[in-house]
């Protein structure tokens, strides 16, 4: 009976031993795969082996941004100045409103706003504008 028990245990051990080795092989394989995937992840994330991240910009840097615009009478009179900037001058720089009147790009809405908001020299600038219109009409 003891011999039967030993033979049964030996059979059982011989059957379980390959499974154990297979489990060890699959564990080794999983370890190797995890190391490989970890290395691939490091390469994709651009991580140095020491663990420090290197900065790699997605968009190339072309230098510092343009400085902010200085609000000057020349900017307010320039026909190349964008209408958004003209509106900003009209709303936030009352000392430059008179110069907006001389800008050919200033539309009727902007001129109406400037006339309603007022400011230093605005009335005189409108007087000059209306006088020039009268001279042009008189020549026709």
Protein backbone atom coordinates (compact mmCIF):
# COMPACT_ATOMS: atom_id res chain seq x y z
CA UNK A 1 0.00 0.00 0.00
CA UNK A 2 2.83 2.31 0.80
CA UNK A 3 4.40 1.50 -2.54
CA UNK A 4 1.15 2.29 -4.28
CA UNK A 5 1.00 5.64 -2.51
CA UNK A 6 4.61 6.44 -3.47
CA UNK A 7 4.00 5.51 -7.11
CA UNK A 8 0.84 7.62 -7.16
CA UNK A 9 2.80 10.54 -5.69
CA UNK A 10 5.55 10.06 -8.26
CA UNK A 11 3.00 10.02 -11.08
CA UNK A 12 1.37 13.12 -9.66
CA UNK A 13 4.74 14.83 -9.30
CA UNK A 14 5.72 13.91 -12.85
CA UNK A 15 2.44 15.32 -14.12
CA UNK A 16 2.67 18.57 -12.11
CA UNK A 17 6.38 19.12 -12.71
CA UNK A 18 6.04 20.05 -16.41
CA UNK A 19 3.23 22.44 -15.50
CA UNK A 20 5.44 24.03 -12.89
CA UNK A 21 8.25 24.40 -15.41
CA UNK A 22 5.78 25.76 -17.94
CA UNK A 23 4.54 28.25 -15.35
CA UNK A 24 8.14 29.29 -14.65
CA UNK A 25 8.82 29.63 -18.39
CA UNK A 26 5.69 31.75 -18.88
CA UNK A 27 6.70 33.89 -15.89
CA UNK A 28 10.19 34.39 -17.37
CA UNK A 29 8.62 35.22 -20.72
CA UNK A 30 6.27 37.75 -19.09
CA UNK A 31 9.24 39.34 -17.29
CA UNK A 32 11.14 39.64 -20.56
CA UNK A 33 8.08 41.11 -22.30
CA UNK A 34 7.53 43.61 -19.51
CA UNK A 35 11.17 44.68 -19.69
CA UNK A 36 10.92 45.04 -23.46
CA UNK A 37 7.69 47.00 -23.26
CA UNK A 38 9.18 49.16 -20.49
CA UNK A 39 12.19 49.90 -22.71
CA UNK A 40 9.91 50.70 -25.65
CA UNK A 41 7.86 52.99 -23.41
CA UNK A 42 11.03 54.76 -22.30
CA UNK A 43 12.03 55.27 -25.91
CA UNK A 44 8.57 56.55 -26.87
CA UNK A 45 8.48 58.93 -23.89
CA UNK A 46 12.04 60.05 -24.51
CA UNK A 47 13.19 59.12 -21.00
CA UNK A 48 16.87 58.86 -20.31
CA UNK A 49 18.09 55.70 -18.60
CA UNK A 50 18.68 57.63 -15.39
CA UNK A 51 14.98 58.48 -15.35
CA UNK A 52 15.31 62.16 -16.17
CA UNK A 53 12.98 63.47 -18.86
CA UNK A 54 14.46 65.39 -21.76
CA UNK A 55 12.43 68.31 -23.10
CA UNK A 56 11.57 67.94 -26.74
CA UNK A 57 9.16 70.61 -27.97
CA UNK A 58 6.40 69.50 -30.32
CA UNK A 59 6.53 72.81 -32.18
CA UNK A 60 9.92 74.24 -33.05
CA UNK A 61 10.68 77.43 -31.22
CA UNK A 62 11.35 80.30 -33.61
CA UNK A 63 12.45 82.83 -31.04
CA UNK A 64 10.72 85.02 -28.51
CA UNK A 65 7.22 86.38 -29.17
CA UNK A 66 6.77 89.81 -30.67
CA UNK A 67 6.77 92.64 -28.14
CA UNK A 68 3.45 94.28 -27.37
CA UNK A 69 2.42 97.17 -29.57
CA UNK A 70 3.14 100.66 -28.32
CA UNK A 71 0.00 102.74 -28.72
CA UNK A 72 1.19 105.87 -30.53
CA UNK A 73 -0.42 108.52 -32.74
CA UNK A 74 1.41 106.96 -35.70
CA UNK A 75 -0.22 103.58 -35.02
CA UNK A 76 -3.64 105.22 -34.69
CA UNK A 77 -3.23 107.02 -38.07
CA UNK A 78 -1.67 104.13 -40.00
CA UNK A 79 -4.07 102.63 -42.58
CA UNK A 80 -2.34 99.24 -42.15
CA UNK A 81 -3.38 99.01 -38.49
CA UNK A 82 -5.92 96.25 -37.87
CA UNK A 83 -9.44 97.36 -36.94
CA UNK A 84 -9.27 95.39 -33.68
CA UNK A 85 -6.33 97.53 -32.62
CA UNK A 86 -8.18 100.68 -33.68
CA UNK A 87 -11.11 99.67 -31.49
CA UNK A 88 -8.76 98.95 -28.61
CA UNK A 89 -7.27 102.44 -28.98
CA UNK A 90 -10.77 103.96 -29.12
CA UNK A 91 -11.86 102.19 -25.95
CA UNK A 92 -8.70 102.35 -23.84
CA UNK A 93 -6.59 105.31 -25.02
CA UNK A 94 -8.67 108.51 -25.01
CA UNK A 95 -5.60 110.66 -25.70
CA UNK A 96 -5.24 108.91 -29.11
CA UNK A 97 -8.89 109.05 -30.22
CA UNK A 98 -8.35 112.25 -32.25
CA UNK A 99 -5.76 110.42 -34.37
CA UNK A 100 -8.26 107.66 -35.21
CA UNK A 101 -10.37 110.21 -37.05
CA UNK A 102 -7.53 110.70 -39.55
CA UNK A 103 -7.24 106.97 -40.24
CA UNK A 104 -8.88 106.01 -43.57
CA UNK A 105 -9.55 102.53 -42.23
CA UNK A 106 -11.78 103.87 -39.44
CA UNK A 107 -15.35 102.92 -40.30
CA UNK A 108 -18.57 104.75 -39.41
CA UNK A 109 -19.17 102.71 -36.25
CA UNK A 110 -15.70 103.50 -34.92
CA UNK A 111 -16.05 107.20 -35.71
CA UNK A 112 -19.46 107.24 -34.03
CA UNK A 113 -17.97 105.65 -30.91
CA UNK A 114 -15.12 108.17 -30.86
CA UNK A 115 -17.54 111.09 -31.25
CA UNK A 116 -19.74 109.80 -28.41
CA UNK A 117 -16.80 108.93 -26.10
CA UNK A 118 -15.00 112.21 -26.76
CA UNK A 119 -11.53 112.94 -25.51
CA UNK A 120 -8.83 115.56 -25.85
CA UNK A 121 -8.85 117.11 -29.34
CA UNK A 122 -11.67 114.92 -30.71
CA UNK A 123 -14.01 117.84 -31.51
CA UNK A 124 -11.26 119.73 -33.30
CA UNK A 125 -10.28 116.64 -35.30
CA UNK A 126 -13.88 116.16 -36.44
CA UNK A 127 -14.03 119.84 -37.39
CA UNK A 128 -10.95 119.35 -39.61
CA UNK A 129 -12.46 116.20 -41.15
CA UNK A 130 -15.80 117.89 -41.93
CA UNK A 131 -14.03 120.98 -43.33
CA UNK A 132 -12.02 118.77 -45.69
CA UNK A 133 -15.24 117.10 -46.88
CA UNK A 134 -16.75 120.51 -47.53
CA UNK A 135 -13.69 121.59 -49.56
CA UNK A 136 -13.84 118.39 -51.63
CA UNK A 137 -17.57 118.89 -52.33
CA UNK A 138 -17.02 122.57 -53.21
CA UNK A 139 -14.45 121.63 -55.88
CA UNK A 140 -16.92 119.32 -57.64
